[in-house]
Amino acid sequence: MKEQMTESVIQMAEETLQAEPEYAGDCERVTSTVRERKLLLDNRGVGVVEVILILVVLIALVLIFKEQLGNMVTKAMDALEKSINEVLS
């Protein structure tokens, strides 16, 4: 709906410009303002940016806490191995 309204405003400004050249400055200002707002309201790429930022933060956290995470995984694997050996014994 907003897309159609934006296009119709731009079309009306261009038609006015052709019909009445003395309003050229006004029509160009309206057209550029509408196009700028259209660009600002376009949020199609926002999801991709958010995912990339989340990945960057997660990678940074892993790098910061690499040693602690390694120790935690090692302890968990040792406990799992110990439990498996108890069950099999």
N, C-alpha and C. Protein backbone atom coordinates (compact mmCIF):
# COMPACT_ATOMS: atom_id res chain seq x y z
N MET A 1 0.83 -1.18 0.00
CA MET A 1 0.00 0.00 0.00
C MET A 1 0.88 1.25 0.00
N LYS A 2 1.86 1.30 0.92
CA LYS A 2 2.75 2.46 0.99
C LYS A 2 3.55 2.59 -0.28
N GLU A 3 3.94 1.46 -0.84
CA GLU A 3 4.72 1.45 -2.08
C GLU A 3 3.92 2.09 -3.21
N GLN A 4 2.64 1.75 -3.32
CA GLN A 4 1.79 2.31 -4.36
C GLN A 4 1.61 3.80 -4.17
N MET A 5 1.42 4.23 -2.92
CA MET A 5 1.26 5.65 -2.64
C MET A 5 2.51 6.42 -3.00
N THR A 6 3.67 5.86 -2.66
CA THR A 6 4.93 6.50 -2.97
C THR A 6 5.10 6.66 -4.48
N GLU A 7 4.82 5.60 -5.20
CA GLU A 7 4.95 5.65 -6.66
C GLU A 7 3.97 6.65 -7.26
N SER A 8 2.74 6.71 -6.72
CA SER A 8 1.77 7.65 -7.27
C SER A 8 2.16 9.09 -6.99
N VAL A 9 2.74 9.38 -5.84
CA VAL A 9 3.22 10.74 -5.54
C VAL A 9 4.34 11.12 -6.49
N ILE A 10 5.26 10.20 -6.72
CA ILE A 10 6.36 10.48 -7.65
C ILE A 10 5.81 10.70 -9.05
N GLN A 11 4.86 9.89 -9.46
CA GLN A 11 4.28 10.03 -10.79
C GLN A 11 3.55 11.36 -10.93
N MET A 12 2.79 11.75 -9.90
CA MET A 12 2.09 13.04 -9.95
C MET A 12 3.07 14.20 -10.04
N ALA A 13 4.17 14.12 -9.30
CA ALA A 13 5.18 15.19 -9.35
C ALA A 13 5.80 15.27 -10.74
N GLU A 14 6.07 14.13 -11.34
CA GLU A 14 6.66 14.13 -12.68
C GLU A 14 5.67 14.65 -13.71
N GLU A 15 4.38 14.31 -13.57
CA GLU A 15 3.36 14.83 -14.49
C GLU A 15 3.22 16.34 -14.35
N THR A 16 3.24 16.82 -13.11
CA THR A 16 3.16 18.26 -12.88
C THR A 16 4.36 18.96 -13.48
N LEU A 17 5.51 18.37 -13.36
CA LEU A 17 6.73 18.94 -13.92
C LEU A 17 6.61 19.08 -15.44
N GLN A 18 6.05 18.07 -16.09
CA GLN A 18 5.89 18.13 -17.55
C GLN A 18 4.83 19.14 -17.95
N ALA A 19 3.73 19.21 -17.19
CA ALA A 19 2.64 20.11 -17.55
C ALA A 19 2.95 21.57 -17.23
N GLU A 20 3.62 21.79 -16.11
CA GLU A 20 3.89 23.15 -15.67
C GLU A 20 5.35 23.27 -15.24
N PRO A 21 6.24 23.59 -16.18
CA PRO A 21 7.67 23.64 -15.90
C PRO A 21 8.08 24.66 -14.83
N GLU A 22 7.22 25.66 -14.57
CA GLU A 22 7.58 26.66 -13.55
C GLU A 22 7.62 26.07 -12.15
N TYR A 23 7.02 24.90 -11.96
CA TYR A 23 7.06 24.22 -10.67
C TYR A 23 8.16 23.17 -10.59
N ALA A 24 9.13 23.27 -11.44
CA ALA A 24 10.18 22.26 -11.53
C ALA A 24 10.90 22.05 -10.19
N GLY A 25 11.27 23.13 -9.51
CA GLY A 25 11.98 23.01 -8.24
C GLY A 25 11.15 22.30 -7.18
N ASP A 26 9.86 22.68 -7.11
CA ASP A 26 8.97 22.05 -6.13
C ASP A 26 8.79 20.57 -6.42
N CYS A 27 8.59 20.23 -7.69
CA CYS A 27 8.40 18.82 -8.06
C CYS A 27 9.63 17.99 -7.77
N GLU A 28 10.79 18.55 -8.04
CA GLU A 28 12.03 17.81 -7.77
C GLU A 28 12.22 17.60 -6.28
N ARG A 29 11.88 18.63 -5.48
CA ARG A 29 12.00 18.49 -4.02
C ARG A 29 11.05 17.42 -3.49
N VAL A 30 9.81 17.43 -3.97
CA VAL A 30 8.83 16.43 -3.53
C VAL A 30 9.29 15.04 -3.93
N THR A 31 9.73 14.91 -5.17
CA THR A 31 10.17 13.60 -5.66
C THR A 31 11.35 13.09 -4.86
N SER A 32 12.34 13.96 -4.61
CA SER A 32 13.52 13.50 -3.86
C SER A 32 13.16 13.18 -2.41
N THR A 33 12.27 13.97 -1.81
CA THR A 33 11.85 13.71 -0.43
C THR A 33 11.12 12.37 -0.33
N VAL A 34 10.23 12.10 -1.28
CA VAL A 34 9.49 10.84 -1.27
C VAL A 34 10.44 9.67 -1.47
N ARG A 35 11.40 9.82 -2.37
CA ARG A 35 12.35 8.73 -2.60
C ARG A 35 13.24 8.50 -1.37
N GLU A 36 13.64 9.58 -0.68
CA GLU A 36 14.44 9.43 0.53
C GLU A 36 13.65 8.70 1.61
N ARG A 37 12.39 9.07 1.78
CA ARG A 37 11.56 8.39 2.79
C ARG A 37 11.35 6.93 2.43
N LYS A 38 11.16 6.67 1.14
CA LYS A 38 11.00 5.30 0.68
C LYS A 38 12.24 4.48 1.02
N LEU A 39 13.41 5.05 0.81
CA LEU A 39 14.66 4.37 1.11
C LEU A 39 14.80 4.13 2.62
N LEU A 40 14.44 5.11 3.43
CA LEU A 40 14.54 4.96 4.89
C LEU A 40 13.56 3.93 5.43
N LEU A 41 12.40 3.81 4.80
CA LEU A 41 11.39 2.86 5.27
C LEU A 41 11.66 1.44 4.78
N ASP A 42 12.55 1.29 3.84
CA ASP A 42 12.87 -0.04 3.31
C ASP A 42 13.72 -0.79 4.32
N ASN A 43 13.20 -1.88 4.85
CA ASN A 43 13.92 -2.64 5.88
C ASN A 43 14.15 -4.09 5.47
N ARG A 44 14.29 -4.34 4.18
CA ARG A 44 14.46 -5.71 3.71
C ARG A 44 15.76 -6.34 4.17
N GLY A 45 16.84 -5.60 4.32
CA GLY A 45 18.13 -6.16 4.68
C GLY A 45 18.41 -6.16 6.18
N VAL A 46 17.47 -5.72 6.97
CA VAL A 46 17.70 -5.60 8.41
C VAL A 46 17.95 -6.96 9.05
N GLY A 47 17.23 -7.98 8.67
CA GLY A 47 17.40 -9.30 9.26
C GLY A 47 18.80 -9.85 9.05
N VAL A 48 19.37 -9.63 7.88
CA VAL A 48 20.71 -10.11 7.58
C VAL A 48 21.73 -9.41 8.47
N VAL A 49 21.59 -8.11 8.62
CA VAL A 49 22.52 -7.34 9.45
C VAL A 49 22.45 -7.82 10.89
N GLU A 50 21.25 -8.05 11.38
CA GLU A 50 21.10 -8.51 12.76
C GLU A 50 21.76 -9.86 12.97
N VAL A 51 21.57 -10.78 12.04
CA VAL A 51 22.19 -12.10 12.16
C VAL A 51 23.71 -11.99 12.15
N ILE A 52 24.25 -11.16 11.28
CA ILE A 52 25.70 -10.98 11.22
C ILE A 52 26.23 -10.40 12.52
N LEU A 53 25.54 -9.40 13.07
CA LEU A 53 25.98 -8.82 14.35
C LEU A 53 25.93 -9.84 15.48
N ILE A 54 24.90 -10.66 15.52
CA ILE A 54 24.81 -11.69 16.56
C ILE A 54 25.95 -12.69 16.41
N LEU A 55 26.26 -13.09 15.18
CA LEU A 55 27.38 -14.01 14.96
C LEU A 55 28.71 -13.40 15.39
N VAL A 56 28.90 -12.14 15.09
CA VAL A 56 30.14 -11.46 15.49
C VAL A 56 30.28 -11.46 17.01
N VAL A 57 29.18 -11.17 17.70
CA VAL A 57 29.22 -11.15 19.18
C VAL A 57 29.51 -12.55 19.72
N LEU A 58 28.85 -13.57 19.16
CA LEU A 58 29.09 -14.94 19.63
C LEU A 58 30.53 -15.37 19.39
N ILE A 59 31.07 -15.05 18.24
CA ILE A 59 32.47 -15.41 17.95
C ILE A 59 33.41 -14.69 18.90
N ALA A 60 33.12 -13.42 19.17
CA ALA A 60 33.96 -12.67 20.11
C ALA A 60 33.90 -13.29 21.51
N LEU A 61 32.72 -13.70 21.95
CA LEU A 61 32.59 -14.33 23.27
C LEU A 61 33.36 -15.66 23.33
N VAL A 62 33.27 -16.43 22.26
CA VAL A 62 34.01 -17.70 22.23
C VAL A 62 35.51 -17.44 22.30
N LEU A 63 35.98 -16.44 21.57
CA LEU A 63 37.41 -16.14 21.60
C LEU A 63 37.85 -15.63 22.97
N ILE A 64 37.00 -14.83 23.61
CA ILE A 64 37.35 -14.28 24.92
C ILE A 64 37.39 -15.39 25.97
N PHE A 65 36.40 -16.28 25.94
CA PHE A 65 36.29 -17.32 26.96
C PHE A 65 36.72 -18.69 26.43
N LYS A 66 37.64 -18.70 25.50
CA LYS A 66 38.08 -19.94 24.86
C LYS A 66 38.61 -20.95 25.89
N GLU A 67 39.47 -20.51 26.76
CA GLU A 67 40.08 -21.42 27.74
C GLU A 67 39.03 -21.96 28.71
N GLN A 68 38.17 -21.07 29.22
CA GLN A 68 37.14 -21.51 30.16
C GLN A 68 36.17 -22.50 29.49
N LEU A 69 35.79 -22.21 28.24
CA LEU A 69 34.90 -23.11 27.52
C LEU A 69 35.57 -24.46 27.27
N GLY A 70 36.85 -24.43 26.94
CA GLY A 70 37.59 -25.67 26.72
C GLY A 70 37.64 -26.52 27.97
N ASN A 71 37.93 -25.88 29.11
CA ASN A 71 37.96 -26.61 30.38
C ASN A 71 36.59 -27.20 30.72
N MET A 72 35.53 -26.44 30.48
CA MET A 72 34.18 -26.91 30.78
C MET A 72 33.82 -28.12 29.91
N VAL A 73 34.15 -28.06 28.64
CA VAL A 73 33.87 -29.18 27.74
C VAL A 73 34.69 -30.40 28.14
N THR A 74 35.95 -30.19 28.50
CA THR A 74 36.81 -31.30 28.91
C THR A 74 36.25 -31.97 30.16
N LYS A 75 35.82 -31.18 31.15
CA LYS A 75 35.24 -31.74 32.37
C LYS A 75 33.96 -32.52 32.05
N ALA A 76 33.13 -31.98 31.18
CA ALA A 76 31.89 -32.66 30.83
C ALA A 76 32.19 -33.99 30.13
N MET A 77 33.16 -34.00 29.23
CA MET A 77 33.51 -35.23 28.52
C MET A 77 34.12 -36.26 29.48
N ASP A 78 34.94 -35.80 30.43
CA ASP A 78 35.52 -36.71 31.41
C ASP A 78 34.43 -37.33 32.28
N ALA A 79 33.46 -36.51 32.70
CA ALA A 79 32.35 -37.02 33.51
C ALA A 79 31.52 -38.01 32.71
N LEU A 80 31.28 -37.71 31.44
CA LEU A 80 30.53 -38.61 30.58
C LEU A 80 31.27 -39.94 30.38
N GLU A 81 32.56 -39.84 30.16
CA GLU A 81 33.37 -41.05 29.97
C GLU A 81 33.37 -41.90 31.25
N LYS A 82 33.49 -41.22 32.41
CA LYS A 82 33.48 -41.93 33.68
C LYS A 82 32.15 -42.65 33.88
N SER A 83 31.05 -41.97 33.56
CA SER A 83 29.72 -42.59 33.70
C SER A 83 29.56 -43.77 32.77
N ILE A 84 30.04 -43.64 31.55
CA ILE A 84 29.94 -44.74 30.59
C ILE A 84 30.75 -45.94 31.07
N ASN A 85 31.96 -45.69 31.60
CA ASN A 85 32.80 -46.78 32.11
C ASN A 85 32.15 -47.46 33.30
N GLU A 86 31.46 -46.69 34.17
CA GLU A 86 30.77 -47.29 35.32
C GLU A 86 29.62 -48.18 34.85
N VAL A 87 28.91 -47.74 33.84
CA VAL A 87 27.78 -48.53 33.34
C VAL A 87 28.28 -49.80 32.68
N LEU A 88 29.35 -49.71 31.92
CA LEU A 88 29.88 -50.87 31.21
C LEU A 88 30.61 -51.84 32.12
N SER A 89 31.05 -51.39 33.27
CA SER A 89 31.82 -52.25 34.18
C SER A 89 30.94 -53.16 34.97
